[in-house]
Each structure stands twice: as C-alpha cells, then as structure tokens.
C-alpha cells in the first residue's frame, strides 16, 4: 500500500484546479515534517490537528482519506 502522501501528490499536478484538495496537497509537499511514509489515519489526523494549514483542512483530509481508501481497495 502506498502512503497517503504519495496519493495526495496526484492533486498537485492538476492544472486549473484551485480547490482545497490541491491546497492541502501543496501544503503537504512543502511541509518538511509531514509524515510522508505513513498509512496511519491516526498519525495523519494527529499531525493535522496541531499543524492545520487552513480551517477546513481536517474535513478536506477526511474527504481525501475516503478517496485514498477507495483507490487502494480498487
């Protein structure tokens, strides 16, 4: 299973997409301490709770996490 970070990076390359999924993926890319190798929901939410880049980041993360699980189980 690839990491959530690796999955999220697919949002960075989408041109003309300026939504919050892309915003969160861009932030993860630039955040040096982001847990890039993990597949743990708990570890990622703990990190985001203390380092949230914008107010809706946790709900955006939850949406992306659902997509990640669907993608990995496909």
PDB file of N, CA and C in Angstrom:
ATOM      1  N   UNK A   1       0.846  -1.174   0.000  1.00  0.00           N
ATOM      2  CA  UNK A   1       0.000   0.000   0.000  1.00  0.00           C
ATOM      3  C   UNK A   1       0.888   1.233   0.000  1.00  0.00           C
ATOM      4  N   UNK A   2       0.612   2.137  -0.916  1.00  0.00           N
ATOM      5  CA  UNK A   2       1.417   3.355  -0.934  1.00  0.00           C
ATOM      6  C   UNK A   2       0.928   4.329   0.130  1.00  0.00           C
ATOM      7  N   UNK A   3       1.761   5.261   0.493  1.00  0.00           N
ATOM      8  CA  UNK A   3       1.417   6.195   1.559  1.00  0.00           C
ATOM      9  C   UNK A   3       0.333   7.179   1.104  1.00  0.00           C
ATOM     10  N   UNK A   4      -0.339   7.757   2.092  1.00  0.00           N
ATOM     11  CA  UNK A   4      -1.353   8.766   1.791  1.00  0.00           C
ATOM     12  C   UNK A   4      -0.705   9.953   1.090  1.00  0.00           C
ATOM     13  N   UNK A   5       0.478  10.332   1.544  1.00  0.00           N
ATOM     14  CA  UNK A   5       1.200  11.453   0.926  1.00  0.00           C
ATOM     15  C   UNK A   5       1.378  11.207  -0.574  1.00  0.00           C
ATOM     16  N   UNK A   6       1.801  10.029  -0.940  1.00  0.00           N
ATOM     17  CA  UNK A   6       2.004   9.703  -2.348  1.00  0.00           C
ATOM     18  C   UNK A   6       0.696   9.842  -3.123  1.00  0.00           C
ATOM     19  N   UNK A   7      -0.397   9.351  -2.556  1.00  0.00           N
ATOM     20  CA  UNK A   7      -1.713   9.507  -3.170  1.00  0.00           C
ATOM     21  C   UNK A   7      -2.071  10.986  -3.319  1.00  0.00           C
ATOM     22  N   UNK A   8      -1.869  11.768  -2.272  1.00  0.00           N
ATOM     23  CA  UNK A   8      -2.249  13.183  -2.275  1.00  0.00           C
ATOM     24  C   UNK A   8      -1.477  13.998  -3.308  1.00  0.00           C
ATOM     25  N   UNK A   9      -0.269  13.573  -3.622  1.00  0.00           N
ATOM     26  CA  UNK A   9       0.527  14.323  -4.599  1.00  0.00           C
ATOM     27  C   UNK A   9      -0.103  14.320  -5.990  1.00  0.00           C
ATOM     28  N   UNK A  10      -1.037  13.414  -6.235  1.00  0.00           N
ATOM     29  CA  UNK A  10      -1.721  13.403  -7.532  1.00  0.00           C
ATOM     30  C   UNK A  10      -2.577  14.655  -7.717  1.00  0.00           C
ATOM     31  N   UNK A  11      -2.932  15.329  -6.636  1.00  0.00           N
ATOM     32  CA  UNK A  11      -3.708  16.567  -6.721  1.00  0.00           C
ATOM     33  C   UNK A  11      -2.855  17.771  -7.106  1.00  0.00           C
ATOM     34  N   UNK A  12      -1.568  17.690  -6.933  1.00  0.00           N
ATOM     35  CA  UNK A  12      -0.695  18.834  -7.217  1.00  0.00           C
ATOM     36  C   UNK A  12      -0.564  19.114  -8.699  1.00  0.00           C
ATOM     37  N   UNK A  13      -0.589  18.121  -9.534  1.00  0.00           N
ATOM     38  CA  UNK A  13      -0.324  18.313 -10.948  1.00  0.00           C
ATOM     39  C   UNK A  13      -1.520  18.713 -11.781  1.00  0.00           C
ATOM     40  N   UNK A  14      -2.662  18.883 -11.169  1.00  0.00           N
ATOM     41  CA  UNK A  14      -3.872  19.201 -11.921  1.00  0.00           C
ATOM     42  C   UNK A  14      -3.912  20.695 -12.207  1.00  0.00           C
ATOM     43  N   UNK A  15      -3.755  21.029 -13.450  1.00  0.00           N
ATOM     44  CA  UNK A  15      -3.787  22.452 -13.849  1.00  0.00           C
ATOM     45  C   UNK A  15      -5.212  22.980 -13.747  1.00  0.00           C
ATOM     46  N   UNK A  16      -5.306  24.254 -13.468  1.00  0.00           N
ATOM     47  CA  UNK A  16      -6.589  24.953 -13.365  1.00  0.00           C
ATOM     48  C   UNK A  16      -7.475  24.405 -12.254  1.00  0.00           C
ATOM     49  N   UNK A  17      -6.889  23.730 -11.322  1.00  0.00           N
ATOM     50  CA  UNK A  17      -7.656  23.242 -10.180  1.00  0.00           C
ATOM     51  C   UNK A  17      -7.161  23.975  -8.947  1.00  0.00           C
ATOM     52  N   UNK A  18      -8.010  24.803  -8.396  1.00  0.00           N
ATOM     53  CA  UNK A  18      -7.613  25.629  -7.252  1.00  0.00           C
ATOM     54  C   UNK A  18      -8.489  25.329  -6.044  1.00  0.00           C
ATOM     55  N   UNK A  19      -8.855  24.089  -5.896  1.00  0.00           N
ATOM     56  CA  UNK A  19      -9.703  23.743  -4.765  1.00  0.00           C
ATOM     57  C   UNK A  19      -8.872  23.407  -3.526  1.00  0.00           C
ATOM     58  N   UNK A  20      -9.549  23.061  -2.464  1.00  0.00           N
ATOM     59  CA  UNK A  20      -8.871  22.813  -1.198  1.00  0.00           C
ATOM     60  C   UNK A  20      -8.092  21.509  -1.189  1.00  0.00           C
ATOM     61  N   UNK A  21      -8.462  20.546  -2.014  1.00  0.00           N
ATOM     62  CA  UNK A  21      -7.678  19.312  -2.111  1.00  0.00           C
ATOM     63  C   UNK A  21      -6.275  19.631  -2.632  1.00  0.00           C
ATOM     64  N   UNK A  22      -6.221  20.438  -3.656  1.00  0.00           N
ATOM     65  CA  UNK A  22      -4.930  20.861  -4.218  1.00  0.00           C
ATOM     66  C   UNK A  22      -4.159  21.698  -3.196  1.00  0.00           C
ATOM     67  N   UNK A  23      -4.865  22.581  -2.503  1.00  0.00           N
ATOM     68  CA  UNK A  23      -4.229  23.425  -1.490  1.00  0.00           C
ATOM     69  C   UNK A  23      -3.591  22.573  -0.396  1.00  0.00           C
ATOM     70  N   UNK A  24      -4.309  21.554   0.067  1.00  0.00           N
ATOM     71  CA  UNK A  24      -3.765  20.683   1.110  1.00  0.00           C
ATOM     72  C   UNK A  24      -2.577  19.875   0.579  1.00  0.00           C
ATOM     73  N   UNK A  25      -2.684  19.374  -0.629  1.00  0.00           N
ATOM     74  CA  UNK A  25      -1.577  18.609  -1.217  1.00  0.00           C
ATOM     75  C   UNK A  25      -0.341  19.485  -1.386  1.00  0.00           C
ATOM     76  N   UNK A  26      -0.521  20.717  -1.826  1.00  0.00           N
ATOM     77  CA  UNK A  26       0.612  21.633  -1.968  1.00  0.00           C
ATOM     78  C   UNK A  26       1.254  21.907  -0.616  1.00  0.00           C
ATOM     79  N   UNK A  27       0.431  22.089   0.413  1.00  0.00           N
ATOM     80  CA  UNK A  27       0.968  22.323   1.746  1.00  0.00           C
ATOM     81  C   UNK A  27       1.766  21.118   2.234  1.00  0.00           C
ATOM     82  N   UNK A  28       1.223  19.898   2.026  1.00  0.00           N
ATOM     83  CA  UNK A  28       1.937  18.684   2.436  1.00  0.00           C
ATOM     84  C   UNK A  28       3.304  18.611   1.771  1.00  0.00           C
ATOM     85  N   UNK A  29       3.359  18.968   0.506  1.00  0.00           N
ATOM     86  CA  UNK A  29       4.605  18.917  -0.245  1.00  0.00           C
ATOM     87  C   UNK A  29       5.666  19.827   0.376  1.00  0.00           C
ATOM     88  N   UNK A  30       5.236  20.987   0.822  1.00  0.00           N
ATOM     89  CA  UNK A  30       6.182  21.968   1.369  1.00  0.00           C
ATOM     90  C   UNK A  30       6.428  21.799   2.870  1.00  0.00           C
ATOM     91  N   UNK A  31       5.615  21.010   3.544  1.00  0.00           N
ATOM     92  CA  UNK A  31       5.738  20.791   4.993  1.00  0.00           C
ATOM     93  C   UNK A  31       6.784  19.713   5.257  1.00  0.00           C
ATOM     94  N   UNK A  32       7.945  20.114   5.684  1.00  0.00           N
ATOM     95  CA  UNK A  32       9.066  19.178   5.856  1.00  0.00           C
ATOM     96  C   UNK A  32       8.799  18.072   6.871  1.00  0.00           C
ATOM     97  N   UNK A  33       8.043  18.366   7.916  1.00  0.00           N
ATOM     98  CA  UNK A  33       7.812  17.386   8.973  1.00  0.00           C
ATOM     99  C   UNK A  33       6.571  16.527   8.758  1.00  0.00           C
ATOM    100  N   UNK A  34       5.869  16.729   7.648  1.00  0.00           N
ATOM    101  CA  UNK A  34       4.666  15.932   7.397  1.00  0.00           C
ATOM    102  C   UNK A  34       5.059  14.458   7.320  1.00  0.00           C
ATOM    103  N   UNK A  35       4.288  13.566   7.973  1.00  0.00           N
ATOM    104  CA  UNK A  35       4.625  12.129   7.973  1.00  0.00           C
ATOM    105  C   UNK A  35       4.364  11.493   6.602  1.00  0.00           C
ATOM    106  N   UNK A  36       5.320  11.613   5.724  1.00  0.00           N
ATOM    107  CA  UNK A  36       5.149  11.245   4.317  1.00  0.00           C
ATOM    108  C   UNK A  36       5.101   9.747   4.046  1.00  0.00           C
ATOM    109  N   UNK A  37       5.587   8.930   4.943  1.00  0.00           N
ATOM    110  CA  UNK A  37       5.632   7.489   4.692  1.00  0.00           C
ATOM    111  C   UNK A  37       4.489   6.719   5.330  1.00  0.00           C
ATOM    112  N   UNK A  38       3.668   7.379   6.101  1.00  0.00           N
ATOM    113  CA  UNK A  38       2.661   6.651   6.871  1.00  0.00           C
ATOM    114  C   UNK A  38       1.396   6.319   6.070  1.00  0.00           C
ATOM    115  N   UNK A  39       0.736   5.275   6.515  1.00  0.00           N
ATOM    116  CA  UNK A  39      -0.585   4.912   6.008  1.00  0.00           C
ATOM    117  C   UNK A  39      -1.588   4.935   7.167  1.00  0.00           C
ATOM    118  N   UNK A  40      -1.193   5.525   8.287  1.00  0.00           N
ATOM    119  CA  UNK A  40      -1.996   5.543   9.508  1.00  0.00           C
ATOM    120  C   UNK A  40      -2.884   6.788   9.578  1.00  0.00           C
ATOM    121  N   UNK A  41      -4.182   6.564   9.605  1.00  0.00           N
ATOM    122  CA  UNK A  41      -5.139   7.666   9.737  1.00  0.00           C
ATOM    123  C   UNK A  41      -4.890   8.443  11.030  1.00  0.00           C
ATOM    124  N   UNK A  42      -4.679   7.733  12.127  1.00  0.00           N
ATOM    125  CA  UNK A  42      -4.476   8.372  13.429  1.00  0.00           C
ATOM    126  C   UNK A  42      -3.242   9.279  13.419  1.00  0.00           C
ATOM    127  N   UNK A  43      -2.165   8.790  12.868  1.00  0.00           N
ATOM    128  CA  UNK A  43      -0.935   9.596  12.818  1.00  0.00           C
ATOM    129  C   UNK A  43      -1.140  10.859  11.983  1.00  0.00           C
ATOM    130  N   UNK A  44      -1.821  10.727  10.865  1.00  0.00           N
ATOM    131  CA  UNK A  44      -2.053  11.879   9.986  1.00  0.00           C
ATOM    132  C   UNK A  44      -2.999  12.892  10.620  1.00  0.00           C
ATOM    133  N   UNK A  45      -4.081  12.426  11.236  1.00  0.00           N
ATOM    134  CA  UNK A  45      -5.003  13.376  11.864  1.00  0.00           C
ATOM    135  C   UNK A  45      -4.368  14.069  13.061  1.00  0.00           C
ATOM    136  N   UNK A  46      -3.572  13.342  13.831  1.00  0.00           N
ATOM    137  CA  UNK A  46      -2.861  13.981  14.935  1.00  0.00           C
ATOM    138  C   UNK A  46      -1.959  15.095  14.431  1.00  0.00           C
ATOM    139  N   UNK A  47      -1.242  14.822  13.368  1.00  0.00           N
ATOM    140  CA  UNK A  47      -0.343  15.840  12.808  1.00  0.00           C
ATOM    141  C   UNK A  47      -1.136  17.048  12.326  1.00  0.00           C
ATOM    142  N   UNK A  48      -2.224  16.793  11.600  1.00  0.00           N
ATOM    143  CA  UNK A  48      -3.017  17.893  11.064  1.00  0.00           C
ATOM    144  C   UNK A  48      -3.727  18.695  12.147  1.00  0.00           C
ATOM    145  N   UNK A  49      -4.119  18.059  13.234  1.00  0.00           N
ATOM    146  CA  UNK A  49      -4.774  18.793  14.321  1.00  0.00           C
ATOM    147  C   UNK A  49      -3.852  19.853  14.913  1.00  0.00           C
ATOM    148  N   UNK A  50      -2.567  19.570  14.973  1.00  0.00           N
ATOM    149  CA  UNK A  50      -1.614  20.512  15.549  1.00  0.00           C
ATOM    150  C   UNK A  50      -0.962  21.429  14.523  1.00  0.00           C
ATOM    151  N   UNK A  51      -1.073  21.098  13.243  1.00  0.00           N
ATOM    152  CA  UNK A  51      -0.374  21.870  12.207  1.00  0.00           C
ATOM    153  C   UNK A  51      -1.282  22.226  11.036  1.00  0.00           C
ATOM    154  N   UNK A  52      -2.545  22.400  11.283  1.00  0.00           N
ATOM    155  CA  UNK A  52      -3.514  22.630  10.221  1.00  0.00           C
ATOM    156  C   UNK A  52      -3.185  23.897   9.428  1.00  0.00           C
ATOM    157  N   UNK A  53      -3.075  23.778   8.092  1.00  0.00           N
ATOM    158  CA  UNK A  53      -2.705  24.927   7.286  1.00  0.00           C
ATOM    159  C   UNK A  53      -3.860  25.890   7.001  1.00  0.00           C
ATOM    160  N   UNK A  54      -5.102  25.432   7.140  1.00  0.00           N
ATOM    161  CA  UNK A  54      -6.274  26.298   6.957  1.00  0.00           C
ATOM    162  C   UNK A  54      -7.445  25.674   7.709  1.00  0.00           C
ATOM    163  N   UNK A  55      -8.469  26.453   8.020  1.00  0.00           N
ATOM    164  CA  UNK A  55      -9.541  25.979   8.903  1.00  0.00           C
ATOM    165  C   UNK A  55     -10.236  24.683   8.466  1.00  0.00           C
ATOM    166  N   UNK A  56     -10.424  24.481   7.190  1.00  0.00           N
ATOM    167  CA  UNK A  56     -11.150  23.306   6.703  1.00  0.00           C
ATOM    168  C   UNK A  56     -10.245  22.116   6.407  1.00  0.00           C
ATOM    169  N   UNK A  57      -8.987  22.185   6.748  1.00  0.00           N
ATOM    170  CA  UNK A  57      -8.014  21.161   6.360  1.00  0.00           C
ATOM    171  C   UNK A  57      -8.394  19.757   6.839  1.00  0.00           C
ATOM    172  N   UNK A  58      -8.913  19.636   8.041  1.00  0.00           N
ATOM    173  CA  UNK A  58      -9.261  18.297   8.550  1.00  0.00           C
ATOM    174  C   UNK A  58     -10.437  17.687   7.788  1.00  0.00           C
ATOM    175  N   UNK A  59     -11.430  18.488   7.451  1.00  0.00           N
ATOM    176  CA  UNK A  59     -12.550  17.935   6.678  1.00  0.00           C
ATOM    177  C   UNK A  59     -12.117  17.614   5.250  1.00  0.00           C
ATOM    178  N   UNK A  60     -11.238  18.419   4.684  1.00  0.00           N
ATOM    179  CA  UNK A  60     -10.690  18.130   3.349  1.00  0.00           C
ATOM    180  C   UNK A  60      -9.868  16.848   3.415  1.00  0.00           C
ATOM    181  N   UNK A  61      -9.077  16.704   4.468  1.00  0.00           N
ATOM    182  CA  UNK A  61      -8.302  15.481   4.651  1.00  0.00           C
ATOM    183  C   UNK A  61      -9.212  14.261   4.720  1.00  0.00           C
ATOM    184  N   UNK A  62     -10.315  14.363   5.464  1.00  0.00           N
ATOM    185  CA  UNK A  62     -11.244  13.228   5.578  1.00  0.00           C
ATOM    186  C   UNK A  62     -11.807  12.832   4.216  1.00  0.00           C
ATOM    187  N   UNK A  63     -12.126  13.817   3.381  1.00  0.00           N
ATOM    188  CA  UNK A  63     -12.605  13.523   2.024  1.00  0.00           C
ATOM    189  C   UNK A  63     -11.520  12.813   1.216  1.00  0.00           C
ATOM    190  N   UNK A  64     -10.309  13.336   1.307  1.00  0.00           N
ATOM    191  CA  UNK A  64      -9.195  12.743   0.574  1.00  0.00           C
ATOM    192  C   UNK A  64      -8.887  11.339   1.105  1.00  0.00           C
ATOM    193  N   UNK A  65      -9.014  11.135   2.411  1.00  0.00           N
ATOM    194  CA  UNK A  65      -8.754   9.824   3.009  1.00  0.00           C
ATOM    195  C   UNK A  65      -9.742   8.791   2.453  1.00  0.00           C
ATOM    196  N   UNK A  66     -11.010   9.164   2.327  1.00  0.00           N
ATOM    197  CA  UNK A  66     -12.012   8.256   1.751  1.00  0.00           C
ATOM    198  C   UNK A  66     -11.645   7.884   0.323  1.00  0.00           C
ATOM    199  N   UNK A  67     -11.220   8.875  -0.446  1.00  0.00           N
ATOM    200  CA  UNK A  67     -10.796   8.612  -1.823  1.00  0.00           C
ATOM    201  C   UNK A  67      -9.571   7.700  -1.837  1.00  0.00           C
ATOM    202  N   UNK A  68      -8.655   7.939  -0.919  1.00  0.00           N
ATOM    203  CA  UNK A  68      -7.436   7.116  -0.804  1.00  0.00           C
ATOM    204  C   UNK A  68      -7.788   5.668  -0.516  1.00  0.00           C
ATOM    205  N   UNK A  69      -8.693   5.432   0.423  1.00  0.00           N
ATOM    206  CA  UNK A  69      -9.100   4.063   0.753  1.00  0.00           C
ATOM    207  C   UNK A  69      -9.787   3.393  -0.435  1.00  0.00           C
ATOM    208  N   UNK A  70     -10.641   4.136  -1.121  1.00  0.00           N
ATOM    209  CA  UNK A  70     -11.305   3.578  -2.304  1.00  0.00           C
ATOM    210  C   UNK A  70     -10.302   3.249  -3.391  1.00  0.00           C
ATOM    211  N   UNK A  71      -9.320   4.117  -3.565  1.00  0.00           N
ATOM    212  CA  UNK A  71      -8.293   3.902  -4.592  1.00  0.00           C
ATOM    213  C   UNK A  71      -7.439   2.681  -4.255  1.00  0.00           C
ATOM    214  N   UNK A  72      -7.044   2.573  -3.003  1.00  0.00           N
ATOM    215  CA  UNK A  72      -6.184   1.460  -2.591  1.00  0.00           C
ATOM    216  C   UNK A  72      -6.915   0.124  -2.618  1.00  0.00           C
ATOM    217  N   UNK A  73      -8.219   0.149  -2.419  1.00  0.00           N
ATOM    218  CA  UNK A  73      -9.001  -1.089  -2.409  1.00  0.00           C
ATOM    219  C   UNK A  73      -9.564  -1.443  -3.783  1.00  0.00           C
ATOM    220  N   UNK A  74      -9.309  -0.614  -4.765  1.00  0.00           N
ATOM    221  CA  UNK A  74      -9.828  -0.848  -6.119  1.00  0.00           C
ATOM    222  C   UNK A  74      -9.149  -1.960  -6.817  1.00  0.00           C
TER     223      UNK A  74
END
